[in-house]
N, C-alpha and C. Protein backbone atom coordinates (compact mmCIF):
# COMPACT_ATOMS: atom_id res chain seq x y z
N MET A 1 113.16 136.85 103.90
CA MET A 1 113.81 136.04 104.93
C MET A 1 112.98 134.80 105.28
N LEU A 2 111.65 134.97 105.43
CA LEU A 2 110.81 133.86 105.86
C LEU A 2 110.88 132.66 104.93
N GLU A 3 111.00 132.95 103.60
CA GLU A 3 111.02 131.84 102.66
C GLU A 3 112.28 130.98 102.79
N ARG A 4 113.28 131.47 103.51
CA ARG A 4 114.51 130.71 103.73
C ARG A 4 114.44 129.81 104.96
N LEU A 5 113.37 129.97 105.73
CA LEU A 5 113.21 129.17 106.94
C LEU A 5 112.30 127.98 106.65
N ASN A 6 112.68 126.84 107.15
CA ASN A 6 111.88 125.63 106.99
C ASN A 6 110.90 125.49 108.14
N LYS A 7 109.67 125.10 107.82
CA LYS A 7 108.67 124.91 108.86
C LYS A 7 109.09 123.75 109.77
N ILE A 8 108.96 123.96 111.06
CA ILE A 8 109.31 122.94 112.04
C ILE A 8 108.11 122.03 112.26
N ILE A 9 108.31 120.75 112.02
CA ILE A 9 107.24 119.78 112.20
C ILE A 9 107.51 118.95 113.44
N VAL A 10 106.63 119.05 114.41
CA VAL A 10 106.77 118.27 115.64
C VAL A 10 106.08 116.94 115.45
N GLU A 11 106.87 115.86 115.54
CA GLU A 11 106.30 114.53 115.30
C GLU A 11 105.40 114.09 116.44
N ASP A 12 104.39 113.35 116.08
CA ASP A 12 103.46 112.78 117.04
C ASP A 12 104.19 111.73 117.89
N PRO A 13 104.09 111.80 119.22
CA PRO A 13 104.74 110.80 120.08
C PRO A 13 104.34 109.37 119.74
N VAL A 14 103.07 109.17 119.34
CA VAL A 14 102.61 107.82 118.98
C VAL A 14 103.40 107.29 117.79
N ASP A 15 103.61 108.15 116.79
CA ASP A 15 104.38 107.73 115.62
C ASP A 15 105.83 107.42 115.98
N LEU A 16 106.37 108.18 116.91
CA LEU A 16 107.75 107.95 117.34
C LEU A 16 107.87 106.62 118.09
N ILE A 17 106.87 106.30 118.90
CA ILE A 17 106.87 105.02 119.62
C ILE A 17 106.81 103.88 118.62
N ILE A 18 105.92 103.99 117.64
CA ILE A 18 105.78 102.96 116.61
C ILE A 18 107.09 102.79 115.86
N SER A 19 107.72 103.90 115.51
CA SER A 19 108.97 103.85 114.76
C SER A 19 110.07 103.14 115.54
N GLN A 20 110.16 103.42 116.83
CA GLN A 20 111.19 102.79 117.65
C GLN A 20 110.97 101.29 117.79
N ILE A 21 109.74 100.90 118.06
CA ILE A 21 109.44 99.47 118.22
C ILE A 21 109.65 98.74 116.90
N LYS A 22 109.21 99.34 115.80
CA LYS A 22 109.38 98.73 114.49
C LYS A 22 110.87 98.57 114.16
N GLY A 23 111.66 99.59 114.54
CA GLY A 23 113.10 99.54 114.30
C GLY A 23 113.77 98.41 115.06
N LEU A 24 113.35 98.20 116.30
CA LEU A 24 113.92 97.11 117.11
C LEU A 24 113.60 95.75 116.50
N ILE A 25 112.39 95.62 115.95
CA ILE A 25 112.01 94.34 115.34
C ILE A 25 112.75 94.14 114.03
N SER A 26 112.82 95.19 113.21
CA SER A 26 113.48 95.10 111.91
C SER A 26 114.96 94.74 112.07
N SER A 27 115.59 95.28 113.09
CA SER A 27 117.02 95.04 113.30
C SER A 27 117.30 93.68 113.93
N GLY A 28 116.26 93.02 114.43
CA GLY A 28 116.44 91.73 115.08
C GLY A 28 116.73 91.83 116.56
N THR A 29 116.75 93.06 117.09
CA THR A 29 116.98 93.25 118.52
C THR A 29 115.85 92.62 119.32
N VAL A 30 114.63 92.80 118.83
CA VAL A 30 113.47 92.15 119.41
C VAL A 30 112.94 91.18 118.37
N LYS A 31 112.80 89.93 118.75
CA LYS A 31 112.44 88.88 117.80
C LYS A 31 110.98 88.44 117.98
N PRO A 32 110.38 87.91 116.89
CA PRO A 32 109.03 87.37 117.00
C PRO A 32 108.93 86.35 118.13
N GLY A 33 107.87 86.46 118.90
CA GLY A 33 107.69 85.58 120.05
C GLY A 33 108.03 86.24 121.36
N GLU A 34 108.84 87.30 121.31
CA GLU A 34 109.20 88.01 122.54
C GLU A 34 108.07 88.96 122.95
N LYS A 35 107.99 89.22 124.24
CA LYS A 35 106.96 90.11 124.75
C LYS A 35 107.52 91.51 124.96
N LEU A 36 106.68 92.50 124.69
CA LEU A 36 107.05 93.88 124.98
C LEU A 36 106.86 94.13 126.48
N PRO A 37 107.61 95.08 127.05
CA PRO A 37 107.39 95.43 128.45
C PRO A 37 105.97 95.93 128.66
N PRO A 38 105.46 95.88 129.87
CA PRO A 38 104.11 96.40 130.15
C PRO A 38 103.99 97.88 129.77
N GLU A 39 102.77 98.30 129.48
CA GLU A 39 102.53 99.69 129.07
C GLU A 39 103.10 100.69 130.07
N ARG A 40 102.92 100.39 131.35
CA ARG A 40 103.39 101.32 132.39
C ARG A 40 104.90 101.52 132.31
N LYS A 41 105.65 100.43 132.13
CA LYS A 41 107.10 100.52 132.06
C LYS A 41 107.56 101.21 130.78
N LEU A 42 106.87 100.89 129.67
CA LEU A 42 107.22 101.55 128.41
C LEU A 42 107.00 103.05 128.50
N ALA A 43 105.86 103.45 129.07
CA ALA A 43 105.54 104.87 129.18
C ALA A 43 106.57 105.60 130.04
N ALA A 44 106.93 105.00 131.16
CA ALA A 44 107.91 105.62 132.06
C ALA A 44 109.27 105.74 131.38
N HIS A 45 109.68 104.70 130.68
CA HIS A 45 111.00 104.70 130.04
C HIS A 45 111.07 105.71 128.89
N LEU A 46 109.97 105.79 128.11
CA LEU A 46 109.96 106.68 126.95
C LEU A 46 109.58 108.12 127.29
N GLY A 47 109.07 108.33 128.50
CA GLY A 47 108.68 109.67 128.90
C GLY A 47 107.40 110.14 128.24
N VAL A 48 106.48 109.19 128.00
CA VAL A 48 105.20 109.53 127.38
C VAL A 48 104.07 109.00 128.26
N SER A 49 102.84 109.27 127.87
CA SER A 49 101.70 108.80 128.66
C SER A 49 101.36 107.35 128.31
N ARG A 50 100.67 106.67 129.22
CA ARG A 50 100.23 105.30 128.95
C ARG A 50 99.24 105.26 127.79
N ASN A 51 98.43 106.31 127.67
CA ASN A 51 97.47 106.36 126.56
C ASN A 51 98.19 106.40 125.21
N GLN A 52 99.31 107.11 125.16
CA GLN A 52 100.07 107.18 123.91
C GLN A 52 100.71 105.83 123.59
N VAL A 53 101.21 105.15 124.61
CA VAL A 53 101.76 103.80 124.42
C VAL A 53 100.67 102.85 123.96
N ARG A 54 99.50 102.95 124.59
CA ARG A 54 98.38 102.08 124.26
C ARG A 54 97.94 102.28 122.80
N GLU A 55 97.89 103.53 122.36
CA GLU A 55 97.49 103.82 120.99
C GLU A 55 98.52 103.28 120.00
N ALA A 56 99.80 103.41 120.33
CA ALA A 56 100.86 102.91 119.46
C ALA A 56 100.77 101.39 119.32
N ILE A 57 100.57 100.71 120.43
CA ILE A 57 100.46 99.25 120.40
C ILE A 57 99.21 98.83 119.63
N HIS A 58 98.15 99.59 119.79
CA HIS A 58 96.91 99.29 119.05
C HIS A 58 97.15 99.36 117.54
N LYS A 59 97.88 100.38 117.10
CA LYS A 59 98.16 100.51 115.66
C LYS A 59 99.10 99.41 115.19
N LEU A 60 100.07 99.05 116.00
CA LEU A 60 100.97 97.96 115.64
C LEU A 60 100.21 96.64 115.52
N GLN A 61 99.18 96.49 116.36
CA GLN A 61 98.35 95.28 116.29
C GLN A 61 97.55 95.24 115.00
N ILE A 62 97.04 96.39 114.57
CA ILE A 62 96.27 96.45 113.33
C ILE A 62 97.09 95.94 112.15
N TYR A 63 98.38 96.29 112.15
CA TYR A 63 99.23 95.87 111.04
C TYR A 63 99.87 94.51 111.27
N GLY A 64 99.46 93.83 112.34
CA GLY A 64 99.94 92.48 112.55
C GLY A 64 101.35 92.38 113.08
N ILE A 65 101.91 93.47 113.57
CA ILE A 65 103.29 93.46 114.06
C ILE A 65 103.36 92.93 115.49
N VAL A 66 102.32 93.17 116.26
CA VAL A 66 102.23 92.62 117.60
C VAL A 66 100.86 91.99 117.79
N LYS A 67 100.75 91.15 118.79
CA LYS A 67 99.46 90.54 119.14
C LYS A 67 99.22 90.79 120.62
N VAL A 68 98.07 91.37 120.92
CA VAL A 68 97.71 91.68 122.30
C VAL A 68 96.72 90.64 122.79
N GLN A 69 97.08 89.99 123.91
CA GLN A 69 96.20 88.99 124.50
C GLN A 69 95.90 89.37 125.94
N PRO A 70 94.61 89.41 126.28
CA PRO A 70 94.24 89.77 127.66
C PRO A 70 94.94 88.87 128.67
N GLN A 71 95.46 89.47 129.70
CA GLN A 71 96.15 88.78 130.80
C GLN A 71 97.52 88.23 130.41
N SER A 72 97.85 88.28 129.12
CA SER A 72 99.13 87.71 128.68
C SER A 72 100.12 88.76 128.18
N GLY A 73 99.65 89.95 127.89
CA GLY A 73 100.54 91.01 127.43
C GLY A 73 100.62 91.10 125.92
N THR A 74 101.63 91.82 125.47
CA THR A 74 101.81 92.09 124.04
C THR A 74 103.00 91.31 123.50
N THR A 75 102.74 90.47 122.51
CA THR A 75 103.78 89.63 121.92
C THR A 75 104.09 90.10 120.50
N VAL A 76 105.37 90.13 120.17
CA VAL A 76 105.79 90.53 118.83
C VAL A 76 105.55 89.38 117.86
N THR A 77 104.92 89.67 116.73
CA THR A 77 104.78 88.67 115.67
C THR A 77 105.68 89.01 114.50
N GLY A 78 105.76 90.31 114.18
CA GLY A 78 106.64 90.76 113.10
C GLY A 78 106.09 90.50 111.71
N ILE A 79 105.00 89.74 111.60
CA ILE A 79 104.54 89.33 110.28
C ILE A 79 103.98 90.48 109.46
N GLY A 80 103.62 91.58 110.12
CA GLY A 80 103.07 92.70 109.36
C GLY A 80 104.11 93.69 108.88
N LEU A 81 105.39 93.46 109.18
CA LEU A 81 106.41 94.40 108.77
C LEU A 81 106.52 94.51 107.25
N ILE A 82 106.34 93.39 106.57
CA ILE A 82 106.42 93.41 105.10
C ILE A 82 105.36 94.34 104.54
N ALA A 83 104.14 94.19 105.07
CA ALA A 83 103.05 95.04 104.59
C ALA A 83 103.30 96.50 104.94
N LEU A 84 103.73 96.75 106.17
CA LEU A 84 103.90 98.12 106.63
C LEU A 84 105.00 98.84 105.85
N GLU A 85 106.05 98.14 105.52
CA GLU A 85 107.17 98.76 104.83
C GLU A 85 106.99 98.77 103.32
N GLY A 86 105.90 98.13 102.85
CA GLY A 86 105.60 98.18 101.43
C GLY A 86 106.50 97.34 100.56
N LEU A 87 107.19 96.36 101.13
CA LEU A 87 108.13 95.56 100.34
C LEU A 87 107.41 94.73 99.28
N LEU A 88 106.30 94.12 99.65
CA LEU A 88 105.58 93.31 98.69
C LEU A 88 104.99 94.17 97.59
N SER A 89 104.53 95.36 97.95
CA SER A 89 104.01 96.27 96.94
C SER A 89 105.07 96.62 95.92
N ASN A 90 106.30 96.82 96.38
CA ASN A 90 107.39 97.13 95.46
C ASN A 90 107.66 95.95 94.54
N ILE A 91 107.65 94.75 95.09
CA ILE A 91 107.91 93.56 94.29
C ILE A 91 106.85 93.41 93.20
N LEU A 92 105.60 93.64 93.57
CA LEU A 92 104.50 93.48 92.62
C LEU A 92 104.29 94.71 91.74
N LYS A 93 105.11 95.74 91.98
CA LYS A 93 105.00 96.99 91.20
C LYS A 93 103.64 97.65 91.36
N ILE A 94 103.10 97.54 92.57
CA ILE A 94 101.81 98.18 92.85
C ILE A 94 102.11 99.58 93.38
N GLU A 95 101.64 100.59 92.67
CA GLU A 95 101.91 101.95 93.08
C GLU A 95 100.58 102.70 93.23
N GLN A 96 100.38 103.27 94.40
CA GLN A 96 99.20 104.07 94.69
C GLN A 96 97.91 103.42 94.19
N PRO A 97 97.54 102.30 94.77
CA PRO A 97 96.31 101.63 94.34
C PRO A 97 95.10 102.54 94.54
N ASP A 98 94.17 102.55 93.55
CA ASP A 98 93.01 103.41 93.66
C ASP A 98 92.01 102.81 94.64
N LEU A 99 91.15 103.66 95.14
CA LEU A 99 90.20 103.25 96.19
C LEU A 99 89.29 102.13 95.72
N LYS A 100 88.81 102.20 94.50
CA LYS A 100 87.90 101.16 94.01
C LYS A 100 88.59 99.79 93.97
N SER A 101 89.83 99.76 93.52
CA SER A 101 90.57 98.49 93.47
C SER A 101 90.77 97.92 94.87
N LEU A 102 91.08 98.80 95.81
CA LEU A 102 91.28 98.36 97.19
C LEU A 102 89.99 97.76 97.75
N ILE A 103 88.88 98.45 97.52
CA ILE A 103 87.60 98.00 98.08
C ILE A 103 87.14 96.71 97.40
N ASP A 104 87.31 96.61 96.08
CA ASP A 104 86.95 95.38 95.36
C ASP A 104 87.73 94.19 95.94
N THR A 105 89.02 94.41 96.15
CA THR A 105 89.87 93.34 96.70
C THR A 105 89.46 93.01 98.11
N ARG A 106 89.18 94.04 98.89
CA ARG A 106 88.77 93.81 100.27
C ARG A 106 87.50 92.98 100.34
N CYS A 107 86.53 93.30 99.50
CA CYS A 107 85.25 92.58 99.53
C CYS A 107 85.43 91.11 99.18
N LEU A 108 86.25 90.83 98.18
CA LEU A 108 86.51 89.44 97.82
C LEU A 108 87.12 88.67 98.97
N LEU A 109 88.11 89.28 99.62
CA LEU A 109 88.80 88.62 100.73
C LEU A 109 87.88 88.45 101.93
N GLU A 110 87.10 89.49 102.22
CA GLU A 110 86.31 89.49 103.45
C GLU A 110 85.14 88.52 103.40
N LYS A 111 84.53 88.37 102.24
CA LYS A 111 83.43 87.41 102.13
C LYS A 111 83.92 85.99 102.43
N GLU A 112 85.07 85.65 101.87
CA GLU A 112 85.62 84.32 102.11
C GLU A 112 86.12 84.19 103.54
N ALA A 113 86.68 85.27 104.09
CA ALA A 113 87.16 85.23 105.47
C ALA A 113 86.01 84.95 106.44
N ALA A 114 84.88 85.60 106.21
CA ALA A 114 83.72 85.39 107.09
C ALA A 114 83.22 83.95 106.99
N ARG A 115 83.19 83.43 105.78
CA ARG A 115 82.73 82.04 105.58
C ARG A 115 83.65 81.06 106.30
N LEU A 116 84.95 81.22 106.11
CA LEU A 116 85.90 80.31 106.73
C LEU A 116 85.95 80.47 108.25
N ALA A 117 85.77 81.72 108.71
CA ALA A 117 85.78 81.96 110.16
C ALA A 117 84.63 81.20 110.83
N ALA A 118 83.47 81.19 110.17
CA ALA A 118 82.32 80.46 110.73
C ALA A 118 82.59 78.97 110.79
N LEU A 119 83.42 78.48 109.89
CA LEU A 119 83.74 77.05 109.88
C LEU A 119 84.86 76.69 110.85
N ASN A 120 85.83 77.58 110.99
CA ASN A 120 87.09 77.22 111.66
C ASN A 120 87.37 77.92 112.97
N ARG A 121 86.57 78.88 113.35
CA ARG A 121 86.90 79.69 114.53
C ARG A 121 86.94 78.83 115.79
N THR A 122 87.82 79.23 116.71
CA THR A 122 87.91 78.61 118.03
C THR A 122 87.26 79.55 119.05
N GLN A 123 87.16 79.10 120.29
CA GLN A 123 86.61 79.97 121.32
C GLN A 123 87.54 81.17 121.56
N GLU A 124 88.85 80.93 121.45
CA GLU A 124 89.80 82.04 121.61
C GLU A 124 89.60 83.08 120.50
N ASP A 125 89.40 82.60 119.26
CA ASP A 125 89.12 83.52 118.15
C ASP A 125 87.87 84.35 118.44
N LEU A 126 86.85 83.68 118.95
CA LEU A 126 85.59 84.36 119.24
C LEU A 126 85.78 85.43 120.32
N ASP A 127 86.57 85.10 121.34
CA ASP A 127 86.86 86.08 122.39
C ASP A 127 87.59 87.29 121.82
N GLN A 128 88.59 87.04 120.95
CA GLN A 128 89.35 88.12 120.33
C GLN A 128 88.44 88.99 119.45
N LEU A 129 87.54 88.32 118.72
CA LEU A 129 86.60 89.05 117.87
C LEU A 129 85.68 89.95 118.69
N LYS A 130 85.19 89.42 119.79
CA LYS A 130 84.28 90.19 120.64
C LYS A 130 85.00 91.38 121.29
N ASN A 131 86.26 91.18 121.66
CA ASN A 131 87.04 92.29 122.22
C ASN A 131 87.23 93.39 121.19
N ALA A 132 87.57 92.98 119.95
CA ALA A 132 87.74 93.96 118.87
C ALA A 132 86.42 94.66 118.56
N LEU A 133 85.33 93.90 118.59
CA LEU A 133 84.01 94.46 118.34
C LEU A 133 83.65 95.49 119.41
N ASP A 134 83.90 95.15 120.67
CA ASP A 134 83.61 96.07 121.77
C ASP A 134 84.39 97.38 121.63
N ARG A 135 85.65 97.25 121.25
CA ARG A 135 86.50 98.44 121.11
C ARG A 135 86.00 99.33 119.98
N CYS A 136 85.61 98.70 118.88
CA CYS A 136 85.08 99.45 117.73
C CYS A 136 83.77 100.13 118.09
N GLU A 137 82.89 99.40 118.73
CA GLU A 137 81.57 99.95 119.06
C GLU A 137 81.67 101.05 120.11
N GLU A 138 82.63 100.92 121.01
CA GLU A 138 82.83 101.96 122.03
C GLU A 138 83.21 103.28 121.35
N LYS A 139 84.09 103.19 120.36
CA LYS A 139 84.52 104.38 119.63
C LYS A 139 83.37 104.97 118.82
N LEU A 140 82.62 104.10 118.16
CA LEU A 140 81.51 104.57 117.33
C LEU A 140 80.39 105.19 118.17
N SER A 141 80.16 104.61 119.35
CA SER A 141 79.07 105.10 120.20
C SER A 141 79.30 106.51 120.70
N LYS A 142 80.55 106.96 120.64
CA LYS A 142 80.88 108.32 121.08
C LYS A 142 80.68 109.34 119.96
N GLY A 143 80.22 108.85 118.80
CA GLY A 143 79.90 109.77 117.72
C GLY A 143 81.03 110.06 116.76
N GLY A 144 82.17 109.43 116.93
CA GLY A 144 83.29 109.66 116.03
C GLY A 144 83.38 108.59 114.97
N THR A 145 84.52 108.51 114.32
CA THR A 145 84.77 107.43 113.37
C THR A 145 85.74 106.45 114.00
N ALA A 146 85.77 105.25 113.49
CA ALA A 146 86.62 104.20 114.07
C ALA A 146 87.25 103.38 112.94
N ILE A 147 87.96 104.06 112.05
CA ILE A 147 88.51 103.39 110.88
C ILE A 147 89.46 102.27 111.29
N GLU A 148 90.41 102.59 112.16
CA GLU A 148 91.40 101.59 112.54
C GLU A 148 90.79 100.48 113.37
N GLU A 149 89.89 100.84 114.29
CA GLU A 149 89.23 99.83 115.11
C GLU A 149 88.37 98.90 114.26
N ASP A 150 87.71 99.49 113.26
CA ASP A 150 86.88 98.69 112.35
C ASP A 150 87.74 97.70 111.56
N LEU A 151 88.87 98.17 111.05
CA LEU A 151 89.73 97.29 110.26
C LEU A 151 90.37 96.20 111.13
N LEU A 152 90.65 96.53 112.39
CA LEU A 152 91.18 95.51 113.30
C LEU A 152 90.13 94.41 113.51
N PHE A 153 88.88 94.79 113.65
CA PHE A 153 87.80 93.81 113.78
C PHE A 153 87.79 92.87 112.57
N HIS A 154 87.96 93.43 111.39
CA HIS A 154 87.94 92.62 110.18
C HIS A 154 89.19 91.74 110.06
N ILE A 155 90.31 92.23 110.54
CA ILE A 155 91.53 91.41 110.53
C ILE A 155 91.36 90.22 111.47
N LYS A 156 90.67 90.43 112.58
CA LYS A 156 90.42 89.33 113.52
C LYS A 156 89.55 88.25 112.87
N ILE A 157 88.65 88.67 111.99
CA ILE A 157 87.86 87.69 111.25
C ILE A 157 88.77 86.89 110.33
N ALA A 158 89.71 87.58 109.68
CA ALA A 158 90.66 86.89 108.81
C ALA A 158 91.52 85.91 109.61
N GLU A 159 91.90 86.29 110.82
CA GLU A 159 92.67 85.38 111.68
C GLU A 159 91.85 84.14 112.02
N ALA A 160 90.58 84.36 112.29
CA ALA A 160 89.70 83.24 112.66
C ALA A 160 89.45 82.30 111.49
N SER A 161 89.69 82.77 110.28
CA SER A 161 89.48 81.92 109.10
C SER A 161 90.48 80.78 109.03
N LYS A 162 91.64 80.95 109.71
CA LYS A 162 92.72 79.96 109.72
C LYS A 162 93.37 79.79 108.33
N ASN A 163 93.18 80.79 107.48
CA ASN A 163 93.84 80.81 106.18
C ASN A 163 94.93 81.88 106.23
N SER A 164 96.17 81.45 106.37
CA SER A 164 97.27 82.38 106.59
C SER A 164 97.52 83.28 105.38
N VAL A 165 97.29 82.77 104.18
CA VAL A 165 97.49 83.60 102.98
C VAL A 165 96.43 84.70 102.92
N LEU A 166 95.19 84.34 103.19
CA LEU A 166 94.11 85.33 103.19
C LEU A 166 94.38 86.41 104.22
N LYS A 167 94.81 85.99 105.40
CA LYS A 167 95.13 86.96 106.46
C LYS A 167 96.26 87.87 106.02
N SER A 168 97.31 87.32 105.41
CA SER A 168 98.45 88.13 104.96
C SER A 168 98.02 89.14 103.91
N LEU A 169 97.16 88.73 102.98
CA LEU A 169 96.67 89.64 101.96
C LEU A 169 95.86 90.78 102.58
N MET A 170 95.05 90.47 103.59
CA MET A 170 94.31 91.52 104.30
C MET A 170 95.26 92.52 104.93
N MET A 171 96.33 92.01 105.53
CA MET A 171 97.29 92.90 106.18
C MET A 171 98.04 93.77 105.17
N ILE A 172 98.27 93.23 103.98
CA ILE A 172 98.98 93.98 102.96
C ILE A 172 98.17 95.20 102.51
N ILE A 173 96.86 95.03 102.37
CA ILE A 173 96.05 96.15 101.88
C ILE A 173 95.57 97.08 102.99
N THR A 174 95.69 96.65 104.24
CA THR A 174 95.18 97.46 105.35
C THR A 174 95.80 98.84 105.44
N PRO A 175 97.14 99.00 105.35
CA PRO A 175 97.69 100.36 105.44
C PRO A 175 97.12 101.31 104.38
N ASP A 176 96.97 100.81 103.15
CA ASP A 176 96.41 101.65 102.09
C ASP A 176 94.93 101.93 102.32
N LEU A 177 94.21 100.96 102.92
CA LEU A 177 92.81 101.19 103.24
C LEU A 177 92.65 102.30 104.26
N VAL A 178 93.47 102.25 105.32
CA VAL A 178 93.41 103.30 106.35
C VAL A 178 93.65 104.66 105.72
N THR A 179 94.69 104.76 104.88
CA THR A 179 95.02 106.03 104.23
C THR A 179 93.89 106.50 103.33
N SER A 180 93.38 105.59 102.49
CA SER A 180 92.33 105.97 101.54
C SER A 180 91.02 106.33 102.24
N PHE A 181 90.64 105.53 103.25
CA PHE A 181 89.39 105.81 103.97
C PHE A 181 89.46 107.17 104.65
N THR A 182 90.62 107.50 105.20
CA THR A 182 90.78 108.80 105.87
C THR A 182 90.74 109.93 104.85
N GLU A 183 91.46 109.74 103.76
CA GLU A 183 91.53 110.78 102.72
C GLU A 183 90.17 111.07 102.11
N HIS A 184 89.40 110.03 101.82
CA HIS A 184 88.10 110.20 101.15
C HIS A 184 86.93 110.30 102.12
N LYS A 185 87.24 110.34 103.42
CA LYS A 185 86.19 110.46 104.44
C LYS A 185 85.09 109.41 104.23
N VAL A 186 85.53 108.16 104.09
CA VAL A 186 84.60 107.07 103.82
C VAL A 186 83.63 106.86 104.98
N CYS A 187 84.15 106.92 106.18
CA CYS A 187 83.31 106.67 107.37
C CYS A 187 82.78 107.98 107.92
N ASN A 188 81.54 107.97 108.36
CA ASN A 188 80.99 109.16 109.00
C ASN A 188 80.04 108.74 110.12
N LYS A 189 79.83 109.64 111.06
CA LYS A 189 79.07 109.30 112.26
C LYS A 189 77.60 109.00 111.98
N ASP A 190 77.10 109.42 110.80
CA ASP A 190 75.69 109.18 110.48
C ASP A 190 75.38 107.70 110.28
N THR A 191 76.39 106.91 109.96
CA THR A 191 76.17 105.48 109.70
C THR A 191 76.62 104.59 110.86
N ASN A 192 77.00 105.18 111.97
CA ASN A 192 77.56 104.40 113.09
C ASN A 192 76.59 103.35 113.63
N ALA A 193 75.33 103.72 113.82
CA ALA A 193 74.35 102.79 114.38
C ALA A 193 74.18 101.58 113.46
N GLN A 194 74.13 101.83 112.15
CA GLN A 194 73.97 100.73 111.19
C GLN A 194 75.22 99.84 111.17
N THR A 195 76.38 100.46 111.27
CA THR A 195 77.64 99.70 111.29
C THR A 195 77.68 98.77 112.50
N ILE A 196 77.31 99.27 113.65
CA ILE A 196 77.30 98.46 114.87
C ILE A 196 76.35 97.26 114.70
N LYS A 197 75.17 97.52 114.15
CA LYS A 197 74.19 96.45 113.93
C LYS A 197 74.75 95.38 112.99
N GLU A 198 75.40 95.81 111.92
CA GLU A 198 75.95 94.87 110.94
C GLU A 198 77.11 94.07 111.52
N HIS A 199 77.96 94.72 112.31
CA HIS A 199 79.05 94.01 112.97
C HIS A 199 78.52 92.89 113.87
N ARG A 200 77.50 93.21 114.62
CA ARG A 200 76.92 92.22 115.54
C ARG A 200 76.34 91.03 114.78
N ARG A 201 75.74 91.31 113.63
CA ARG A 201 75.17 90.24 112.82
C ARG A 201 76.27 89.30 112.30
N ILE A 202 77.37 89.88 111.85
CA ILE A 202 78.49 89.07 111.34
C ILE A 202 79.03 88.16 112.43
N ILE A 203 79.30 88.73 113.59
CA ILE A 203 79.90 87.93 114.66
C ILE A 203 78.91 86.89 115.18
N GLU A 204 77.61 87.21 115.13
CA GLU A 204 76.59 86.25 115.56
C GLU A 204 76.62 85.02 114.66
N MET A 205 76.73 85.22 113.36
CA MET A 205 76.75 84.10 112.42
C MET A 205 78.05 83.29 112.54
N ILE A 206 79.14 83.99 112.84
CA ILE A 206 80.41 83.28 113.06
C ILE A 206 80.33 82.46 114.34
N GLU A 207 79.73 83.03 115.36
CA GLU A 207 79.58 82.31 116.63
C GLU A 207 78.71 81.08 116.46
N TYR A 208 77.65 81.20 115.66
CA TYR A 208 76.74 80.07 115.43
C TYR A 208 77.28 79.07 114.41
N LYS A 209 78.46 79.38 113.85
CA LYS A 209 79.10 78.52 112.85
C LYS A 209 78.20 78.28 111.64
N ASN A 210 77.66 79.39 111.14
CA ASN A 210 76.81 79.35 109.96
C ASN A 210 77.54 80.06 108.81
N PRO A 211 78.32 79.31 108.00
CA PRO A 211 79.19 79.94 106.99
C PRO A 211 78.44 80.72 105.92
N GLU A 212 77.30 80.20 105.46
CA GLU A 212 76.56 80.88 104.40
C GLU A 212 76.01 82.21 104.88
N GLU A 213 75.43 82.22 106.08
CA GLU A 213 74.86 83.46 106.61
C GLU A 213 75.95 84.44 107.05
N ALA A 214 77.09 83.92 107.48
CA ALA A 214 78.22 84.80 107.83
C ALA A 214 78.69 85.53 106.57
N GLN A 215 78.78 84.81 105.48
CA GLN A 215 79.18 85.41 104.21
C GLN A 215 78.15 86.44 103.74
N ASN A 216 76.87 86.10 103.87
CA ASN A 216 75.81 87.05 103.48
C ASN A 216 75.83 88.30 104.34
N ALA A 217 76.06 88.11 105.64
CA ALA A 217 76.11 89.26 106.56
C ALA A 217 77.28 90.17 106.22
N MET A 218 78.40 89.57 105.85
CA MET A 218 79.56 90.37 105.46
C MET A 218 79.27 91.13 104.17
N TRP A 219 78.64 90.46 103.22
CA TRP A 219 78.31 91.13 101.96
C TRP A 219 77.36 92.30 102.18
N ASP A 220 76.35 92.10 103.03
CA ASP A 220 75.43 93.19 103.36
C ASP A 220 76.19 94.36 103.99
N HIS A 221 77.13 94.03 104.86
CA HIS A 221 77.91 95.06 105.56
C HIS A 221 78.75 95.88 104.57
N LEU A 222 79.29 95.22 103.56
CA LEU A 222 80.20 95.88 102.63
C LEU A 222 79.49 96.51 101.43
N SER A 223 78.19 96.30 101.32
CA SER A 223 77.46 96.82 100.15
C SER A 223 77.53 98.34 100.06
N GLY A 224 77.50 99.00 101.22
CA GLY A 224 77.57 100.46 101.22
C GLY A 224 78.88 100.97 100.69
N ILE A 225 79.96 100.36 101.13
CA ILE A 225 81.28 100.81 100.68
C ILE A 225 81.49 100.46 99.21
N MET A 226 80.84 99.38 98.75
CA MET A 226 80.92 99.04 97.33
C MET A 226 80.23 100.11 96.49
N GLU A 227 79.08 100.59 96.96
CA GLU A 227 78.37 101.65 96.25
C GLU A 227 79.22 102.91 96.21
N PHE A 228 79.84 103.23 97.35
CA PHE A 228 80.68 104.41 97.44
C PHE A 228 81.82 104.34 96.42
N SER A 229 82.41 103.14 96.28
CA SER A 229 83.58 102.99 95.40
C SER A 229 83.23 103.16 93.93
N MET A 230 81.95 103.02 93.58
CA MET A 230 81.56 103.15 92.18
C MET A 230 81.80 104.56 91.65
N ASN A 231 81.99 105.51 92.54
CA ASN A 231 82.23 106.89 92.12
C ASN A 231 83.69 107.14 91.79
N PHE A 232 84.54 106.10 91.94
CA PHE A 232 85.98 106.30 91.71
C PHE A 232 86.45 105.48 90.52
């Protein structure tokens, strides 16, 4: 009898929130440039906690679907929907990219992103970078991993580069990076202190507008993951 019963899977409320918001954007009900309701109102309407709404918005920001600005709220961009839905991957016939290919591509993009960010960043970019850095370091300081927070920090560097194609390419590979890093347990709490130190060095060079040292700092930061990828 038991083999005839299907296991009941209870979906994560965060995933359901993401799905609903993504659906509204995909259908055109909510358009790029529009603001989402405040977290408090969203939580009350959906019957979930503010923390769950906050986590959902944070993940949507990682994929470039929304942009969160202090004091201004959450604005829909929609530009990450292509990456999230895998449409470009289908067009390019990219199927299940291996971890080494993802990391090689990431390193190429990130070195140039850091260099351009040091040349082109604005004060607003710097503020956004520091906010992302604080969020990442707060998570790491508690002894856990911060895969999504770390990748958001790196996407902010790509935004500061002012190269829209580079930023779009980063967003395209980000979903697969999150999946692969989680699957292969790339990040661990033993390296948290070193990661924080390296992050600070990168942002320091970007703040000082030193493109060569920003690029070197990024390369130093990614050297560990490059070594890890050699096993794949």
